[in-house]
Amino acid sequence: MDSVFAIAGTVMTVHLPAEIDHHTSDRLCAEADRLIERKHIRCIIFDFARTTFMDSSGIGMLIGRYKRMRFMGGTVLAANVGERIRRMLELSGIGRIMDIYEGMPS
């Protein structure tokens, strides 16, 4: 998998791969959850800069991490979201529960 997890303090940035499907979503969930626990993460930034395709399992992965972080008092953001991915996030309702940025949040 070509996603990269970068951690700075309690913020984890997940640089997502070009395609997010069932297989990549499962691996992303497992690794993100492991790091959330081990590194005491309080904010996750999903970086969609390279992502051109995401199916419903990707939506499920985002919602699952959102619920986990919310339970822990943390936040989840979507960054570098292009028009196609933004439309999918808005249609799925994710746009109502997490902030979406065209670039990286400051």
C-alpha atoms as a PDB file:
ATOM      1  CA  MET A   1       0.000   0.000   0.000  1.00  0.00           C
ATOM      2  CA  ASP A   2       1.406   3.390  -0.891  1.00  0.00           C
ATOM      3  CA  SER A   3      -0.284   5.422   1.838  1.00  0.00           C
ATOM      4  CA  VAL A   4       1.987   7.066   4.350  1.00  0.00           C
ATOM      5  CA  PHE A   5       1.229   7.787   7.981  1.00  0.00           C
ATOM      6  CA  ALA A   6       2.987  10.891   9.345  1.00  0.00           C
ATOM      7  CA  ILE A   7       2.735  11.774  13.025  1.00  0.00           C
ATOM      8  CA  ALA A   8       3.548  15.109  14.661  1.00  0.00           C
ATOM      9  CA  GLY A   9       2.652  15.159  18.331  1.00  0.00           C
ATOM     10  CA  THR A  10      -0.964  14.017  18.583  1.00  0.00           C
ATOM     11  CA  VAL A  11      -1.762  14.771  14.914  1.00  0.00           C
ATOM     12  CA  MET A  12      -1.626  11.984  12.352  1.00  0.00           C
ATOM     13  CA  THR A  13      -1.695  12.761   8.639  1.00  0.00           C
ATOM     14  CA  VAL A  14      -2.673   9.885   6.378  1.00  0.00           C
ATOM     15  CA  HIS A  15      -1.446  10.476   2.814  1.00  0.00           C
ATOM     16  CA  LEU A  16      -3.969   8.296   1.011  1.00  0.00           C
ATOM     17  CA  PRO A  17      -3.217   6.179  -2.066  1.00  0.00           C
ATOM     18  CA  ALA A  18      -4.550   6.847  -5.569  1.00  0.00           C
ATOM     19  CA  GLU A  19      -7.326   4.272  -5.171  1.00  0.00           C
ATOM     20  CA  ILE A  20      -9.244   3.487  -1.998  1.00  0.00           C
ATOM     21  CA  ASP A  21     -11.180   0.239  -2.301  1.00  0.00           C
ATOM     22  CA  HIS A  22     -12.125  -2.633   0.011  1.00  0.00           C
ATOM     23  CA  HIS A  23      -8.572  -3.971   0.267  1.00  0.00           C
ATOM     24  CA  THR A  24      -6.859  -0.657   0.919  1.00  0.00           C
ATOM     25  CA  SER A  25      -9.623   0.453   3.321  1.00  0.00           C
ATOM     26  CA  ASP A  26      -9.131  -2.640   5.492  1.00  0.00           C
ATOM     27  CA  ARG A  27      -5.389  -2.062   5.710  1.00  0.00           C
ATOM     28  CA  LEU A  28      -5.828   1.679   6.353  1.00  0.00           C
ATOM     29  CA  CYS A  29      -8.302   0.999   9.180  1.00  0.00           C
ATOM     30  CA  ALA A  30      -6.037  -1.546  10.851  1.00  0.00           C
ATOM     31  CA  GLU A  31      -2.917   0.618  10.697  1.00  0.00           C
ATOM     32  CA  ALA A  32      -4.716   3.862  11.632  1.00  0.00           C
ATOM     33  CA  ASP A  33      -6.378   2.211  14.632  1.00  0.00           C
ATOM     34  CA  ARG A  34      -3.069   0.749  15.775  1.00  0.00           C
ATOM     35  CA  LEU A  35      -1.361   4.153  15.578  1.00  0.00           C
ATOM     36  CA  ILE A  36      -4.286   5.979  17.237  1.00  0.00           C
ATOM     37  CA  GLU A  37      -3.891   3.764  20.286  1.00  0.00           C
ATOM     38  CA  ARG A  38      -0.127   3.547  20.361  1.00  0.00           C
ATOM     39  CA  LYS A  39       0.614   7.237  19.709  1.00  0.00           C
ATOM     40  CA  HIS A  40      -2.406   8.764  21.527  1.00  0.00           C
ATOM     41  CA  ILE A  41      -3.628  10.529  18.364  1.00  0.00           C
ATOM     42  CA  ARG A  42      -6.219  13.285  18.839  1.00  0.00           C
ATOM     43  CA  CYS A  43      -6.514  14.592  15.266  1.00  0.00           C
ATOM     44  CA  ILE A  44      -6.438  12.743  11.950  1.00  0.00           C
ATOM     45  CA  ILE A  45      -5.949  14.565   8.653  1.00  0.00           C
ATOM     46  CA  PHE A  46      -6.793  12.439   5.625  1.00  0.00           C
ATOM     47  CA  ASP A  47      -4.792  13.845   2.700  1.00  0.00           C
ATOM     48  CA  PHE A  48      -6.551  13.122  -0.609  1.00  0.00           C
ATOM     49  CA  ALA A  49      -3.902  14.812  -2.817  1.00  0.00           C
ATOM     50  CA  ARG A  50      -3.171  11.581  -4.764  1.00  0.00           C
ATOM     51  CA  THR A  51      -6.630  10.014  -4.554  1.00  0.00           C
ATOM     52  CA  THR A  52      -8.578   9.704  -7.793  1.00  0.00           C
ATOM     53  CA  PHE A  53     -10.932   6.840  -6.855  1.00  0.00           C
ATOM     54  CA  MET A  54     -12.774   5.892  -3.684  1.00  0.00           C
ATOM     55  CA  ASP A  55     -15.636   3.427  -3.291  1.00  0.00           C
ATOM     56  CA  SER A  56     -18.106   2.992  -0.433  1.00  0.00           C
ATOM     57  CA  SER A  57     -15.556   1.122   1.671  1.00  0.00           C
ATOM     58  CA  GLY A  58     -13.491   4.316   1.728  1.00  0.00           C
ATOM     59  CA  ILE A  59     -16.521   6.196   3.046  1.00  0.00           C
ATOM     60  CA  GLY A  60     -16.910   3.523   5.716  1.00  0.00           C
ATOM     61  CA  MET A  61     -13.228   3.845   6.650  1.00  0.00           C
ATOM     62  CA  LEU A  62     -13.616   7.614   7.113  1.00  0.00           C
ATOM     63  CA  ILE A  63     -16.825   7.315   9.138  1.00  0.00           C
ATOM     64  CA  GLY A  64     -15.287   4.633  11.340  1.00  0.00           C
ATOM     65  CA  ARG A  65     -12.225   6.758  12.136  1.00  0.00           C
ATOM     66  CA  TYR A  66     -14.496   9.775  12.711  1.00  0.00           C
ATOM     67  CA  LYS A  67     -16.607   7.841  15.241  1.00  0.00           C
ATOM     68  CA  ARG A  68     -13.510   6.542  16.993  1.00  0.00           C
ATOM     69  CA  MET A  69     -11.932  10.002  17.250  1.00  0.00           C
ATOM     70  CA  ARG A  70     -15.175  11.620  18.349  1.00  0.00           C
ATOM     71  CA  PHE A  71     -15.527   9.041  21.134  1.00  0.00           C
ATOM     72  CA  MET A  72     -11.997   9.940  22.239  1.00  0.00           C
ATOM     73  CA  GLY A  73     -12.647  13.705  22.034  1.00  0.00           C
ATOM     74  CA  GLY A  74     -10.608  14.143  18.852  1.00  0.00           C
ATOM     75  CA  THR A  75     -11.220  15.436  15.343  1.00  0.00           C
ATOM     76  CA  VAL A  76     -10.945  14.239  11.743  1.00  0.00           C
ATOM     77  CA  LEU A  77     -10.341  16.460   8.711  1.00  0.00           C
ATOM     78  CA  ALA A  78     -10.201  15.844   4.960  1.00  0.00           C
ATOM     79  CA  ALA A  79      -7.511  17.802   3.092  1.00  0.00           C
ATOM     80  CA  ASN A  80      -6.449  18.360  -0.520  1.00  0.00           C
ATOM     81  CA  VAL A  81      -9.891  17.269  -1.663  1.00  0.00           C
ATOM     82  CA  GLY A  82     -10.489  17.576  -5.384  1.00  0.00           C
ATOM     83  CA  GLU A  83     -13.876  18.137  -6.982  1.00  0.00           C
ATOM     84  CA  ARG A  84     -14.689  14.449  -7.587  1.00  0.00           C
ATOM     85  CA  ILE A  85     -13.838  13.331  -4.039  1.00  0.00           C
ATOM     86  CA  ARG A  86     -15.535  16.417  -2.543  1.00  0.00           C
ATOM     87  CA  ARG A  87     -18.751  15.515  -4.353  1.00  0.00           C
ATOM     88  CA  MET A  88     -18.592  11.969  -2.990  1.00  0.00           C
ATOM     89  CA  LEU A  89     -17.951  13.240   0.555  1.00  0.00           C
ATOM     90  CA  GLU A  90     -20.837  15.694   0.322  1.00  0.00           C
ATOM     91  CA  LEU A  91     -23.270  13.152  -1.126  1.00  0.00           C
ATOM     92  CA  SER A  92     -22.369  10.616   1.565  1.00  0.00           C
ATOM     93  CA  GLY A  93     -22.999  13.117   4.367  1.00  0.00           C
ATOM     94  CA  ILE A  94     -19.382  13.259   5.492  1.00  0.00           C
ATOM     95  CA  GLY A  95     -19.321  16.962   4.652  1.00  0.00           C
ATOM     96  CA  ARG A  96     -21.746  17.528   7.533  1.00  0.00           C
ATOM     97  CA  ILE A  97     -19.607  15.778  10.143  1.00  0.00           C
ATOM     98  CA  MET A  98     -16.028  16.745   9.254  1.00  0.00           C
ATOM     99  CA  ASP A  99     -14.286  19.784   7.819  1.00  0.00           C
ATOM    100  CA  ILE A 100     -13.168  19.479   4.192  1.00  0.00           C
ATOM    101  CA  TYR A 101     -10.287  21.572   2.840  1.00  0.00           C
ATOM    102  CA  GLU A 102      -9.141  22.130  -0.732  1.00  0.00           C
ATOM    103  CA  GLY A 103      -5.574  22.453   0.559  1.00  0.00           C
ATOM    104  CA  MET A 104      -3.956  21.509   3.857  1.00  0.00           C
ATOM    105  CA  PRO A 105      -5.428  23.099   6.997  1.00  0.00           C
ATOM    106  CA  SER A 106      -3.149  25.486   8.834  1.00  0.00           C
END
